[in-house]
Amino acid sequence: MPKCSCCGRELKEKDKEKTWRECRYCGLPVCFNCTHYLGTTVRDLFGDHIEVVCVCGTCKLRK
């Protein structure tokens, strides 16, 4: 059973994407209470838009 990389809370595998996600950069599990988001501007064929990615507290401080 995975644990949150920030607070250590046990996470159920069946609740993935419901109560927790994996960090986009390091891949560690993060519960929604500890989740941070980073916004990046993406330019594509249809114009500019902002993509928001889920990150853990450690990766938020590094980026």
C-alpha atoms as a PDB file:
ATOM      1  CA  MET A   1       0.000   0.000   0.000  1.00  0.00           C
ATOM      2  CA  PRO A   2       1.543   3.359  -1.016  1.00  0.00           C
ATOM      3  CA  LYS A   3       2.079   6.202   1.450  1.00  0.00           C
ATOM      4  CA  CYS A   4       1.998   9.934   0.832  1.00  0.00           C
ATOM      5  CA  SER A   5       5.522  11.221   0.264  1.00  0.00           C
ATOM      6  CA  CYS A   6       4.838  14.381   2.313  1.00  0.00           C
ATOM      7  CA  CYS A   7       2.697  13.429   5.323  1.00  0.00           C
ATOM      8  CA  GLY A   8       3.079   9.617   5.370  1.00  0.00           C
ATOM      9  CA  ARG A   9      -0.656   8.898   5.198  1.00  0.00           C
ATOM     10  CA  GLU A  10      -1.509   5.429   3.844  1.00  0.00           C
ATOM     11  CA  LEU A  11      -3.215   5.557   0.455  1.00  0.00           C
ATOM     12  CA  LYS A  12      -5.438   2.901  -1.104  1.00  0.00           C
ATOM     13  CA  GLU A  13      -4.543   1.771  -4.612  1.00  0.00           C
ATOM     14  CA  LYS A  14      -8.234   1.758  -5.638  1.00  0.00           C
ATOM     15  CA  ASP A  15      -8.543   5.455  -4.680  1.00  0.00           C
ATOM     16  CA  LYS A  16      -5.844   6.634  -7.105  1.00  0.00           C
ATOM     17  CA  GLU A  17      -7.006   9.818  -8.892  1.00  0.00           C
ATOM     18  CA  LYS A  18      -9.858  10.086  -6.322  1.00  0.00           C
ATOM     19  CA  THR A  19      -7.930  10.948  -3.147  1.00  0.00           C
ATOM     20  CA  TRP A  20      -4.318  10.941  -4.348  1.00  0.00           C
ATOM     21  CA  ARG A  21      -2.099  11.290  -7.433  1.00  0.00           C
ATOM     22  CA  GLU A  22       1.497  10.773  -8.456  1.00  0.00           C
ATOM     23  CA  CYS A  23       3.854  13.734  -8.716  1.00  0.00           C
ATOM     24  CA  ARG A  24       4.407  14.678 -12.359  1.00  0.00           C
ATOM     25  CA  TYR A  25       8.183  15.045 -11.907  1.00  0.00           C
ATOM     26  CA  CYS A  26       9.342  12.403  -9.398  1.00  0.00           C
ATOM     27  CA  GLY A  27       6.416   9.935  -9.585  1.00  0.00           C
ATOM     28  CA  LEU A  28       5.924   9.656  -5.816  1.00  0.00           C
ATOM     29  CA  PRO A  29       2.351   9.371  -4.467  1.00  0.00           C
ATOM     30  CA  VAL A  30       0.874  12.564  -2.964  1.00  0.00           C
ATOM     31  CA  CYS A  31      -2.498  12.885  -1.183  1.00  0.00           C
ATOM     32  CA  PHE A  32      -4.761  15.776  -2.160  1.00  0.00           C
ATOM     33  CA  ASN A  33      -4.081  17.525   1.180  1.00  0.00           C
ATOM     34  CA  CYS A  34      -0.362  17.784   0.289  1.00  0.00           C
ATOM     35  CA  THR A  35      -0.758  18.384  -3.451  1.00  0.00           C
ATOM     36  CA  HIS A  36       0.677  21.513  -5.057  1.00  0.00           C
ATOM     37  CA  TYR A  37       0.153  22.661  -8.625  1.00  0.00           C
ATOM     38  CA  LEU A  38       2.467  24.344 -11.097  1.00  0.00           C
ATOM     39  CA  GLY A  39       1.206  26.190 -14.154  1.00  0.00           C
ATOM     40  CA  THR A  40       3.245  26.270 -17.336  1.00  0.00           C
ATOM     41  CA  THR A  41       2.498  28.133 -20.544  1.00  0.00           C
ATOM     42  CA  VAL A  42       2.271  25.860 -23.577  1.00  0.00           C
ATOM     43  CA  ARG A  43       2.265  27.115 -27.145  1.00  0.00           C
ATOM     44  CA  ASP A  44       0.685  24.827 -29.739  1.00  0.00           C
ATOM     45  CA  LEU A  45      -1.115  24.918 -33.069  1.00  0.00           C
ATOM     46  CA  PHE A  46      -4.257  26.461 -31.563  1.00  0.00           C
ATOM     47  CA  GLY A  47      -2.528  29.186 -29.529  1.00  0.00           C
ATOM     48  CA  ASP A  48      -1.162  29.644 -26.026  1.00  0.00           C
ATOM     49  CA  HIS A  49      -2.731  27.969 -23.006  1.00  0.00           C
ATOM     50  CA  ILE A  50      -1.743  27.148 -19.436  1.00  0.00           C
ATOM     51  CA  GLU A  51      -1.162  23.535 -18.432  1.00  0.00           C
ATOM     52  CA  VAL A  52      -1.440  22.811 -14.704  1.00  0.00           C
ATOM     53  CA  VAL A  53       0.496  19.834 -13.338  1.00  0.00           C
ATOM     54  CA  CYS A  54       0.308  18.073  -9.972  1.00  0.00           C
ATOM     55  CA  VAL A  55       3.549  18.091  -7.939  1.00  0.00           C
ATOM     56  CA  CYS A  56       4.669  17.146  -4.434  1.00  0.00           C
ATOM     57  CA  GLY A  57       6.035  19.682  -1.942  1.00  0.00           C
ATOM     58  CA  THR A  58       9.654  18.727  -2.659  1.00  0.00           C
ATOM     59  CA  CYS A  59       9.359  19.205  -6.423  1.00  0.00           C
ATOM     60  CA  LYS A  60       7.453  22.473  -5.945  1.00  0.00           C
ATOM     61  CA  LEU A  61      10.429  23.898  -4.073  1.00  0.00           C
ATOM     62  CA  ARG A  62      12.952  22.619  -6.643  1.00  0.00           C
ATOM     63  CA  LYS A  63      11.213  23.904  -9.799  1.00  0.00           C
END
